[in-house]
Amino acid sequence: MLSNGRYLTIANIAGGGAVILICQLIYTHVYLQKKIQTKIREFSHYKGAFTVLSKHKKAIEFLGLPLTVGEVDLVDTKRNYIDERKSELRIPICGERDGGIMVVRAERDEDGGNFETAQIELMLDEAGRNIVIYDNGKWSGSLVLLDSFNDICSILPSNQFCCHFKD
């Protein structure tokens, strides 16, 4: 039988090993999360969404500068996904005046090339509006494109799509 002193030593070693293992698992999880976030930010449709956003004066006016970009929620696989043909990313974005979620929807051909941005929607918190700032018409849905931004947002209820922008 082990004496009380030896038992405590073995328990201490086991406890220390468990703590080290847990710390290693947490570190690995954080490392993998950062690696995946970096990969997501390298996608052409992710980068392209910010190019479109920076050129959309009304969206920038709603948000205000400077912009802070959050990380895509990797746990929410129903609303943040990348598969063989389609991708939808919900990117938290915050400006000086308002914040919300920028939803980037993209599709790619059967050959598996780069994603092509199909639609970019800005869901604003304070303004209570959904603004589609880009739509090439390839994403499923029934949105009407306008030639440029006008005051239609002041006419439509806040829960409807408005302020469409066409290149």
N, C-alpha and C. Protein backbone atom coordinates (compact mmCIF):
# COMPACT_ATOMS: atom_id res chain seq x y z
N MET A 1 0.84 -1.18 0.00
CA MET A 1 0.00 0.00 0.00
C MET A 1 0.88 1.24 0.00
N LEU A 2 0.45 2.24 -0.72
CA LEU A 2 1.21 3.48 -0.79
C LEU A 2 1.02 4.31 0.46
N SER A 3 2.12 4.90 0.90
CA SER A 3 1.99 5.79 2.06
C SER A 3 1.34 7.09 1.61
N ASN A 4 0.88 7.84 2.54
CA ASN A 4 0.15 9.08 2.24
C ASN A 4 1.01 10.05 1.43
N GLY A 5 2.29 10.12 1.71
CA GLY A 5 3.19 11.03 0.99
C GLY A 5 3.35 10.65 -0.47
N ARG A 6 3.53 9.33 -0.72
CA ARG A 6 3.68 8.88 -2.11
C ARG A 6 2.38 9.07 -2.89
N TYR A 7 1.26 8.83 -2.25
CA TYR A 7 -0.04 9.00 -2.91
C TYR A 7 -0.22 10.44 -3.36
N LEU A 8 0.12 11.39 -2.51
CA LEU A 8 0.00 12.80 -2.87
C LEU A 8 0.93 13.16 -4.01
N THR A 9 2.12 12.60 -4.02
CA THR A 9 3.07 12.88 -5.10
C THR A 9 2.52 12.37 -6.44
N ILE A 10 1.99 11.17 -6.46
CA ILE A 10 1.42 10.62 -7.69
C ILE A 10 0.20 11.44 -8.11
N ALA A 11 -0.62 11.85 -7.15
CA ALA A 11 -1.79 12.67 -7.46
C ALA A 11 -1.36 14.03 -8.01
N ASN A 12 -0.31 14.59 -7.45
CA ASN A 12 0.20 15.88 -7.93
C ASN A 12 0.72 15.76 -9.36
N ILE A 13 1.44 14.69 -9.63
CA ILE A 13 1.97 14.48 -10.98
C ILE A 13 0.82 14.31 -11.97
N ALA A 14 -0.16 13.49 -11.61
CA ALA A 14 -1.32 13.27 -12.49
C ALA A 14 -2.09 14.57 -12.69
N GLY A 15 -2.29 15.32 -11.62
CA GLY A 15 -3.01 16.60 -11.73
C GLY A 15 -2.25 17.59 -12.58
N GLY A 16 -0.94 17.65 -12.40
CA GLY A 16 -0.11 18.55 -13.22
C GLY A 16 -0.15 18.15 -14.68
N GLY A 17 -0.10 16.85 -14.94
CA GLY A 17 -0.19 16.37 -16.32
C GLY A 17 -1.52 16.72 -16.95
N ALA A 18 -2.60 16.61 -16.17
CA ALA A 18 -3.93 16.97 -16.69
C ALA A 18 -4.00 18.45 -17.02
N VAL A 19 -3.43 19.28 -16.17
CA VAL A 19 -3.43 20.73 -16.41
C VAL A 19 -2.64 21.05 -17.68
N ILE A 20 -1.49 20.42 -17.84
CA ILE A 20 -0.68 20.64 -19.04
C ILE A 20 -1.44 20.19 -20.28
N LEU A 21 -2.11 19.06 -20.22
CA LEU A 21 -2.88 18.55 -21.34
C LEU A 21 -4.02 19.51 -21.70
N ILE A 22 -4.73 20.00 -20.71
CA ILE A 22 -5.83 20.94 -20.96
C ILE A 22 -5.31 22.22 -21.57
N CYS A 23 -4.20 22.74 -21.05
CA CYS A 23 -3.60 23.96 -21.62
C CYS A 23 -3.19 23.74 -23.07
N GLN A 24 -2.62 22.58 -23.37
CA GLN A 24 -2.22 22.26 -24.73
C GLN A 24 -3.43 22.18 -25.66
N LEU A 25 -4.51 21.58 -25.19
CA LEU A 25 -5.73 21.50 -26.00
C LEU A 25 -6.30 22.88 -26.28
N ILE A 26 -6.32 23.73 -25.27
CA ILE A 26 -6.82 25.10 -25.46
C ILE A 26 -5.94 25.85 -26.45
N TYR A 27 -4.64 25.75 -26.29
CA TYR A 27 -3.71 26.41 -27.20
C TYR A 27 -3.92 25.91 -28.63
N THR A 28 -4.05 24.61 -28.81
CA THR A 28 -4.27 24.04 -30.14
C THR A 28 -5.57 24.54 -30.74
N HIS A 29 -6.62 24.60 -29.94
CA HIS A 29 -7.91 25.10 -30.41
C HIS A 29 -7.80 26.55 -30.87
N VAL A 30 -7.18 27.39 -30.07
CA VAL A 30 -7.02 28.81 -30.42
C VAL A 30 -6.16 28.94 -31.67
N TYR A 31 -5.09 28.18 -31.75
CA TYR A 31 -4.20 28.21 -32.91
C TYR A 31 -4.95 27.82 -34.19
N LEU A 32 -5.73 26.74 -34.13
CA LEU A 32 -6.49 26.30 -35.30
C LEU A 32 -7.55 27.32 -35.69
N GLN A 33 -8.21 27.93 -34.71
CA GLN A 33 -9.21 28.96 -35.00
C GLN A 33 -8.57 30.11 -35.77
N LYS A 34 -7.42 30.58 -35.30
CA LYS A 34 -6.72 31.69 -35.96
C LYS A 34 -6.28 31.30 -37.37
N LYS A 35 -5.81 30.08 -37.53
CA LYS A 35 -5.38 29.59 -38.83
C LYS A 35 -6.55 29.56 -39.82
N ILE A 36 -7.70 29.08 -39.36
CA ILE A 36 -8.89 29.03 -40.22
C ILE A 36 -9.37 30.44 -40.55
N GLN A 37 -9.37 31.34 -39.58
CA GLN A 37 -9.77 32.73 -39.83
C GLN A 37 -8.86 33.37 -40.88
N THR A 38 -7.56 33.10 -40.80
CA THR A 38 -6.61 33.63 -41.78
C THR A 38 -6.92 33.08 -43.16
N LYS A 39 -7.23 31.79 -43.26
CA LYS A 39 -7.58 31.18 -44.54
C LYS A 39 -8.84 31.81 -45.13
N ILE A 40 -9.85 32.03 -44.28
CA ILE A 40 -11.10 32.64 -44.74
C ILE A 40 -10.83 34.03 -45.30
N ARG A 41 -9.98 34.79 -44.63
CA ARG A 41 -9.68 36.16 -45.08
C ARG A 41 -8.90 36.19 -46.38
N GLU A 42 -8.36 35.08 -46.81
CA GLU A 42 -7.63 35.01 -48.07
C GLU A 42 -8.54 34.69 -49.25
N PHE A 43 -9.78 34.27 -49.01
CA PHE A 43 -10.70 33.96 -50.11
C PHE A 43 -11.00 35.22 -50.91
N SER A 44 -11.12 35.06 -52.22
CA SER A 44 -11.35 36.20 -53.11
C SER A 44 -12.67 36.90 -52.80
N HIS A 45 -13.71 36.14 -52.46
CA HIS A 45 -15.00 36.79 -52.19
C HIS A 45 -15.00 37.52 -50.85
N TYR A 46 -14.18 37.10 -49.92
CA TYR A 46 -14.05 37.83 -48.65
C TYR A 46 -13.37 39.17 -48.91
N LYS A 47 -12.25 39.14 -49.62
CA LYS A 47 -11.53 40.37 -49.94
C LYS A 47 -12.37 41.29 -50.83
N GLY A 48 -13.02 40.69 -51.82
CA GLY A 48 -13.83 41.47 -52.75
C GLY A 48 -14.98 42.19 -52.07
N ALA A 49 -15.53 41.60 -51.03
CA ALA A 49 -16.63 42.23 -50.30
C ALA A 49 -16.20 43.55 -49.69
N PHE A 50 -14.98 43.61 -49.19
CA PHE A 50 -14.50 44.85 -48.59
C PHE A 50 -14.16 45.90 -49.65
N THR A 51 -13.77 45.45 -50.84
CA THR A 51 -13.57 46.38 -51.95
C THR A 51 -14.89 47.02 -52.33
N VAL A 52 -15.94 46.20 -52.46
CA VAL A 52 -17.27 46.72 -52.79
C VAL A 52 -17.77 47.64 -51.68
N LEU A 53 -17.62 47.22 -50.44
CA LEU A 53 -18.07 48.04 -49.31
C LEU A 53 -17.37 49.39 -49.30
N SER A 54 -16.08 49.41 -49.55
CA SER A 54 -15.34 50.67 -49.50
C SER A 54 -15.78 51.64 -50.59
N LYS A 55 -16.35 51.13 -51.69
CA LYS A 55 -16.82 51.98 -52.78
C LYS A 55 -18.29 52.37 -52.65
N HIS A 56 -19.00 51.77 -51.71
CA HIS A 56 -20.43 52.05 -51.54
C HIS A 56 -20.58 53.17 -50.51
N LYS A 57 -20.76 54.38 -51.02
CA LYS A 57 -20.76 55.58 -50.16
C LYS A 57 -21.85 55.56 -49.10
N LYS A 58 -23.03 55.10 -49.46
CA LYS A 58 -24.14 55.12 -48.51
C LYS A 58 -23.90 54.11 -47.38
N ALA A 59 -23.35 52.96 -47.69
CA ALA A 59 -23.05 51.97 -46.65
C ALA A 59 -22.00 52.51 -45.69
N ILE A 60 -20.97 53.15 -46.23
CA ILE A 60 -19.93 53.75 -45.38
C ILE A 60 -20.53 54.88 -44.55
N GLU A 61 -21.46 55.62 -45.14
CA GLU A 61 -22.13 56.69 -44.40
C GLU A 61 -22.93 56.13 -43.22
N PHE A 62 -23.63 55.02 -43.44
CA PHE A 62 -24.38 54.37 -42.35
C PHE A 62 -23.44 53.88 -41.26
N LEU A 63 -22.35 53.22 -41.65
CA LEU A 63 -21.43 52.62 -40.68
C LEU A 63 -20.54 53.65 -39.99
N GLY A 64 -19.97 54.54 -40.77
CA GLY A 64 -18.99 55.49 -40.24
C GLY A 64 -17.61 54.86 -40.20
N LEU A 65 -16.61 55.70 -40.37
CA LEU A 65 -15.22 55.23 -40.35
C LEU A 65 -14.59 55.59 -39.02
N PRO A 66 -13.63 54.87 -38.55
CA PRO A 66 -13.00 53.67 -39.11
C PRO A 66 -13.84 52.42 -38.85
N LEU A 67 -13.58 51.39 -39.63
CA LEU A 67 -14.30 50.13 -39.50
C LEU A 67 -13.46 49.12 -38.71
N THR A 68 -14.14 48.35 -37.89
CA THR A 68 -13.53 47.24 -37.17
C THR A 68 -14.19 45.96 -37.67
N VAL A 69 -13.37 45.01 -38.06
CA VAL A 69 -13.88 43.76 -38.62
C VAL A 69 -13.67 42.64 -37.61
N GLY A 70 -14.74 41.90 -37.33
CA GLY A 70 -14.66 40.78 -36.41
C GLY A 70 -14.35 39.49 -37.14
N GLU A 71 -14.44 38.41 -36.43
CA GLU A 71 -14.15 37.09 -36.99
C GLU A 71 -15.44 36.35 -37.32
N VAL A 72 -15.38 35.55 -38.36
CA VAL A 72 -16.51 34.71 -38.76
C VAL A 72 -16.73 33.66 -37.66
N ASP A 73 -17.99 33.47 -37.28
CA ASP A 73 -18.33 32.49 -36.24
C ASP A 73 -18.26 31.09 -36.85
N LEU A 74 -17.20 30.37 -36.56
CA LEU A 74 -16.97 29.06 -37.15
C LEU A 74 -17.89 27.99 -36.59
N VAL A 75 -18.50 28.24 -35.45
CA VAL A 75 -19.41 27.27 -34.84
C VAL A 75 -20.76 27.27 -35.57
N ASP A 76 -21.18 28.41 -36.11
CA ASP A 76 -22.46 28.55 -36.79
C ASP A 76 -22.32 28.07 -38.24
N THR A 77 -22.37 26.76 -38.44
CA THR A 77 -22.16 26.20 -39.77
C THR A 77 -23.38 26.27 -40.67
N LYS A 78 -24.53 26.66 -40.13
CA LYS A 78 -25.72 26.83 -40.98
C LYS A 78 -25.68 28.17 -41.71
N ARG A 79 -25.09 29.18 -41.08
CA ARG A 79 -25.05 30.51 -41.70
C ARG A 79 -23.64 30.91 -42.13
N ASN A 80 -22.64 30.18 -41.76
CA ASN A 80 -21.27 30.40 -42.20
C ASN A 80 -20.75 29.08 -42.75
N TYR A 81 -20.67 29.00 -44.06
CA TYR A 81 -20.23 27.74 -44.65
C TYR A 81 -19.54 27.99 -45.98
N ILE A 82 -18.70 27.05 -46.34
CA ILE A 82 -18.04 27.03 -47.64
C ILE A 82 -18.10 25.58 -48.09
N ASP A 83 -18.85 25.34 -49.17
CA ASP A 83 -18.89 23.97 -49.69
C ASP A 83 -18.38 23.96 -51.13
N GLU A 84 -18.67 22.91 -51.86
CA GLU A 84 -18.13 22.77 -53.21
C GLU A 84 -18.61 23.86 -54.16
N ARG A 85 -19.86 24.29 -54.03
CA ARG A 85 -20.45 25.23 -54.99
C ARG A 85 -20.81 26.58 -54.39
N LYS A 86 -21.17 26.63 -53.12
CA LYS A 86 -21.67 27.87 -52.52
C LYS A 86 -20.91 28.20 -51.24
N SER A 87 -20.96 29.49 -50.93
CA SER A 87 -20.35 29.97 -49.70
C SER A 87 -21.20 31.11 -49.15
N GLU A 88 -21.36 31.12 -47.86
CA GLU A 88 -22.00 32.25 -47.18
C GLU A 88 -21.20 32.53 -45.92
N LEU A 89 -20.75 33.76 -45.80
CA LEU A 89 -19.97 34.18 -44.64
C LEU A 89 -20.65 35.38 -44.00
N ARG A 90 -20.83 35.32 -42.70
CA ARG A 90 -21.41 36.43 -41.93
C ARG A 90 -20.27 37.07 -41.15
N ILE A 91 -19.88 38.26 -41.59
CA ILE A 91 -18.71 38.93 -41.04
C ILE A 91 -19.17 40.08 -40.14
N PRO A 92 -18.87 40.02 -38.85
CA PRO A 92 -19.22 41.14 -37.96
C PRO A 92 -18.40 42.37 -38.35
N ILE A 93 -19.08 43.51 -38.45
CA ILE A 93 -18.41 44.73 -38.85
C ILE A 93 -18.97 45.88 -38.01
N CYS A 94 -18.11 46.76 -37.60
CA CYS A 94 -18.54 47.85 -36.73
C CYS A 94 -17.85 49.14 -37.16
N GLY A 95 -18.64 50.19 -37.29
CA GLY A 95 -18.10 51.50 -37.61
C GLY A 95 -18.35 52.45 -36.46
N GLU A 96 -18.03 53.72 -36.69
CA GLU A 96 -18.20 54.73 -35.64
C GLU A 96 -19.67 55.00 -35.35
N ARG A 97 -20.54 54.91 -36.39
CA ARG A 97 -21.97 55.22 -36.21
C ARG A 97 -22.83 53.99 -35.98
N ASP A 98 -22.53 52.90 -36.65
CA ASP A 98 -23.38 51.71 -36.58
C ASP A 98 -22.53 50.47 -36.82
N GLY A 99 -23.11 49.35 -36.55
CA GLY A 99 -22.44 48.08 -36.76
C GLY A 99 -23.45 47.04 -37.17
N GLY A 100 -22.98 45.87 -37.43
CA GLY A 100 -23.87 44.79 -37.82
C GLY A 100 -23.10 43.64 -38.42
N ILE A 101 -23.75 43.00 -39.38
CA ILE A 101 -23.18 41.82 -40.03
C ILE A 101 -23.15 42.07 -41.53
N MET A 102 -22.02 41.80 -42.15
CA MET A 102 -21.94 41.84 -43.60
C MET A 102 -22.01 40.39 -44.08
N VAL A 103 -23.06 40.07 -44.81
CA VAL A 103 -23.26 38.71 -45.31
C VAL A 103 -22.73 38.65 -46.74
N VAL A 104 -21.75 37.80 -46.97
CA VAL A 104 -21.14 37.65 -48.29
C VAL A 104 -21.54 36.29 -48.84
N ARG A 105 -22.26 36.31 -49.95
CA ARG A 105 -22.71 35.07 -50.59
C ARG A 105 -21.97 34.92 -51.92
N ALA A 106 -21.47 33.73 -52.17
CA ALA A 106 -20.69 33.50 -53.39
C ALA A 106 -20.97 32.10 -53.93
N GLU A 107 -20.71 31.96 -55.24
CA GLU A 107 -20.86 30.67 -55.90
C GLU A 107 -19.65 30.45 -56.79
N ARG A 108 -19.41 29.19 -57.11
CA ARG A 108 -18.35 28.90 -58.07
C ARG A 108 -18.83 27.84 -59.05
N ASP A 109 -18.15 27.79 -60.19
CA ASP A 109 -18.52 26.84 -61.23
C ASP A 109 -18.22 25.42 -60.81
N GLU A 110 -18.68 24.49 -61.64
CA GLU A 110 -18.48 23.07 -61.35
C GLU A 110 -17.01 22.67 -61.39
N ASP A 111 -16.18 23.46 -62.08
CA ASP A 111 -14.76 23.11 -62.17
C ASP A 111 -14.01 23.36 -60.87
N GLY A 112 -14.66 24.01 -59.91
CA GLY A 112 -14.05 24.22 -58.59
C GLY A 112 -13.05 25.35 -58.54
N GLY A 113 -13.18 26.34 -59.41
CA GLY A 113 -12.29 27.50 -59.40
C GLY A 113 -12.58 28.41 -58.22
N ASN A 114 -12.16 29.65 -58.36
CA ASN A 114 -12.40 30.64 -57.31
C ASN A 114 -13.88 30.96 -57.18
N PHE A 115 -14.27 31.36 -55.99
CA PHE A 115 -15.64 31.81 -55.77
C PHE A 115 -15.86 33.15 -56.44
N GLU A 116 -17.06 33.35 -56.97
CA GLU A 116 -17.48 34.64 -57.51
C GLU A 116 -18.53 35.21 -56.56
N THR A 117 -18.29 36.42 -56.11
CA THR A 117 -19.24 37.06 -55.20
C THR A 117 -20.56 37.25 -55.91
N ALA A 118 -21.63 36.75 -55.32
CA ALA A 118 -22.95 36.86 -55.91
C ALA A 118 -23.76 37.96 -55.24
N GLN A 119 -23.59 38.13 -53.93
CA GLN A 119 -24.40 39.11 -53.21
C GLN A 119 -23.69 39.51 -51.92
N ILE A 120 -23.80 40.79 -51.61
CA ILE A 120 -23.28 41.30 -50.34
C ILE A 120 -24.39 42.09 -49.68
N GLU A 121 -24.75 41.66 -48.49
CA GLU A 121 -25.84 42.29 -47.74
C GLU A 121 -25.28 42.81 -46.42
N LEU A 122 -25.65 44.03 -46.09
CA LEU A 122 -25.23 44.64 -44.84
C LEU A 122 -26.44 44.70 -43.92
N MET A 123 -26.37 44.01 -42.79
CA MET A 123 -27.47 43.99 -41.82
C MET A 123 -27.08 44.91 -40.66
N LEU A 124 -27.66 46.10 -40.63
CA LEU A 124 -27.28 47.12 -39.66
C LEU A 124 -28.08 46.99 -38.38
N ASP A 125 -27.41 47.17 -37.24
CA ASP A 125 -28.06 47.05 -35.94
C ASP A 125 -28.91 48.28 -35.61
N GLU A 126 -28.28 49.43 -35.52
CA GLU A 126 -28.97 50.65 -35.08
C GLU A 126 -29.98 51.14 -36.10
N ALA A 127 -29.61 51.12 -37.37
CA ALA A 127 -30.51 51.59 -38.42
C ALA A 127 -31.67 50.61 -38.63
N GLY A 128 -31.50 49.37 -38.22
CA GLY A 128 -32.55 48.38 -38.38
C GLY A 128 -32.86 48.07 -39.83
N ARG A 129 -31.84 48.13 -40.66
CA ARG A 129 -32.05 47.92 -42.10
C ARG A 129 -31.14 46.81 -42.61
N ASN A 130 -31.61 46.20 -43.68
CA ASN A 130 -30.79 45.29 -44.46
C ASN A 130 -30.52 45.97 -45.79
N ILE A 131 -29.27 46.18 -46.12
CA ILE A 131 -28.90 46.88 -47.34
C ILE A 131 -28.12 45.91 -48.22
N VAL A 132 -28.64 45.62 -49.39
CA VAL A 132 -27.91 44.81 -50.35
C VAL A 132 -27.05 45.78 -51.15
N ILE A 133 -25.74 45.71 -50.95
CA ILE A 133 -24.84 46.66 -51.62
C ILE A 133 -24.26 46.09 -52.91
N TYR A 134 -24.46 44.81 -53.14
CA TYR A 134 -24.01 44.20 -54.39
C TYR A 134 -24.85 42.96 -54.65
N ASP A 135 -25.27 42.79 -55.90
CA ASP A 135 -26.02 41.60 -56.30
C ASP A 135 -25.83 41.39 -57.79
N ASN A 136 -25.20 40.30 -58.18
CA ASN A 136 -25.01 40.03 -59.60
C ASN A 136 -26.15 39.20 -60.18
N GLY A 137 -27.16 38.89 -59.37
CA GLY A 137 -28.33 38.17 -59.84
C GLY A 137 -28.17 36.66 -59.86
N LYS A 138 -27.03 36.13 -59.46
CA LYS A 138 -26.80 34.69 -59.51
C LYS A 138 -27.19 33.96 -58.23
N TRP A 139 -27.36 34.68 -57.14
CA TRP A 139 -27.77 34.04 -55.89
C TRP A 139 -29.27 33.86 -55.90
N SER A 140 -29.75 32.73 -55.38
CA SER A 140 -31.19 32.49 -55.36
C SER A 140 -31.88 33.51 -54.48
N GLY A 141 -32.98 34.04 -54.96
CA GLY A 141 -33.73 35.07 -54.24
C GLY A 141 -34.45 35.95 -55.23
N SER A 142 -35.30 36.79 -54.73
CA SER A 142 -36.08 37.66 -55.61
C SER A 142 -35.82 39.12 -55.26
N LEU A 143 -34.61 39.57 -55.52
CA LEU A 143 -34.26 40.95 -55.23
C LEU A 143 -34.26 41.75 -56.52
N VAL A 144 -34.70 42.99 -56.43
CA VAL A 144 -34.74 43.89 -57.57
C VAL A 144 -33.53 44.81 -57.49
N LEU A 145 -32.79 44.90 -58.59
CA LEU A 145 -31.62 45.77 -58.60
C LEU A 145 -32.01 47.18 -59.02
N LEU A 146 -31.41 48.14 -58.38
CA LEU A 146 -31.56 49.53 -58.77
C LEU A 146 -30.25 49.98 -59.39
N ASP A 147 -30.31 50.99 -60.26
CA ASP A 147 -29.09 51.45 -60.90
C ASP A 147 -28.12 52.09 -59.92
N SER A 148 -28.62 52.76 -58.91
CA SER A 148 -27.76 53.35 -57.89
C SER A 148 -28.61 53.58 -56.65
N PHE A 149 -27.98 53.95 -55.59
CA PHE A 149 -28.71 54.19 -54.34
C PHE A 149 -29.61 55.41 -54.50
N ASN A 150 -30.83 55.30 -54.02
CA ASN A 150 -31.69 56.47 -53.92
C ASN A 150 -32.48 56.35 -52.62
N ASP A 151 -33.51 57.15 -52.47
CA ASP A 151 -34.22 57.21 -51.19
C ASP A 151 -35.28 56.14 -51.01
N ILE A 152 -35.19 55.04 -51.74
CA ILE A 152 -36.18 53.98 -51.58
C ILE A 152 -36.15 53.39 -50.18
N CYS A 153 -35.02 53.48 -49.50
CA CYS A 153 -34.93 52.95 -48.13
C CYS A 153 -35.85 53.69 -47.19
N SER A 154 -36.12 54.94 -47.47
CA SER A 154 -37.01 55.69 -46.59
C SER A 154 -38.47 55.30 -46.82
N ILE A 155 -38.77 54.64 -47.93
CA ILE A 155 -40.13 54.24 -48.25
C ILE A 155 -40.42 52.83 -47.74
N LEU A 156 -39.46 51.91 -47.92
CA LEU A 156 -39.66 50.51 -47.56
C LEU A 156 -39.55 50.29 -46.07
N PRO A 157 -40.29 49.32 -45.54
CA PRO A 157 -40.10 48.95 -44.14
C PRO A 157 -38.68 48.45 -43.91
N SER A 158 -38.20 48.58 -42.69
CA SER A 158 -36.81 48.25 -42.40
C SER A 158 -36.49 46.77 -42.55
N ASN A 159 -37.50 45.90 -42.56
CA ASN A 159 -37.21 44.47 -42.67
C ASN A 159 -37.14 44.00 -44.12
N GLN A 160 -37.26 44.90 -45.08
CA GLN A 160 -37.17 44.52 -46.48
C GLN A 160 -35.80 44.90 -47.03
N PHE A 161 -35.41 44.21 -48.10
CA PHE A 161 -34.15 44.54 -48.74
C PHE A 161 -34.30 45.87 -49.46
N CYS A 162 -33.29 46.69 -49.35
CA CYS A 162 -33.34 47.97 -50.05
C CYS A 162 -31.92 48.43 -50.36
N CYS A 163 -31.84 49.53 -51.04
CA CYS A 163 -30.56 50.17 -51.35
C CYS A 163 -29.66 49.28 -52.18
N HIS A 164 -30.17 48.65 -53.21
CA HIS A 164 -29.37 47.78 -54.06
C HIS A 164 -28.41 48.61 -54.89
N PHE A 165 -27.27 48.04 -55.16
CA PHE A 165 -26.24 48.72 -55.92
C PHE A 165 -25.81 47.82 -57.06
N LYS A 166 -25.70 48.37 -58.24
CA LYS A 166 -25.28 47.59 -59.40
C LYS A 166 -24.03 48.23 -59.99
N ASP A 167 -23.02 47.39 -60.31
CA ASP A 167 -21.79 47.91 -60.92
C ASP A 167 -22.08 48.53 -62.26
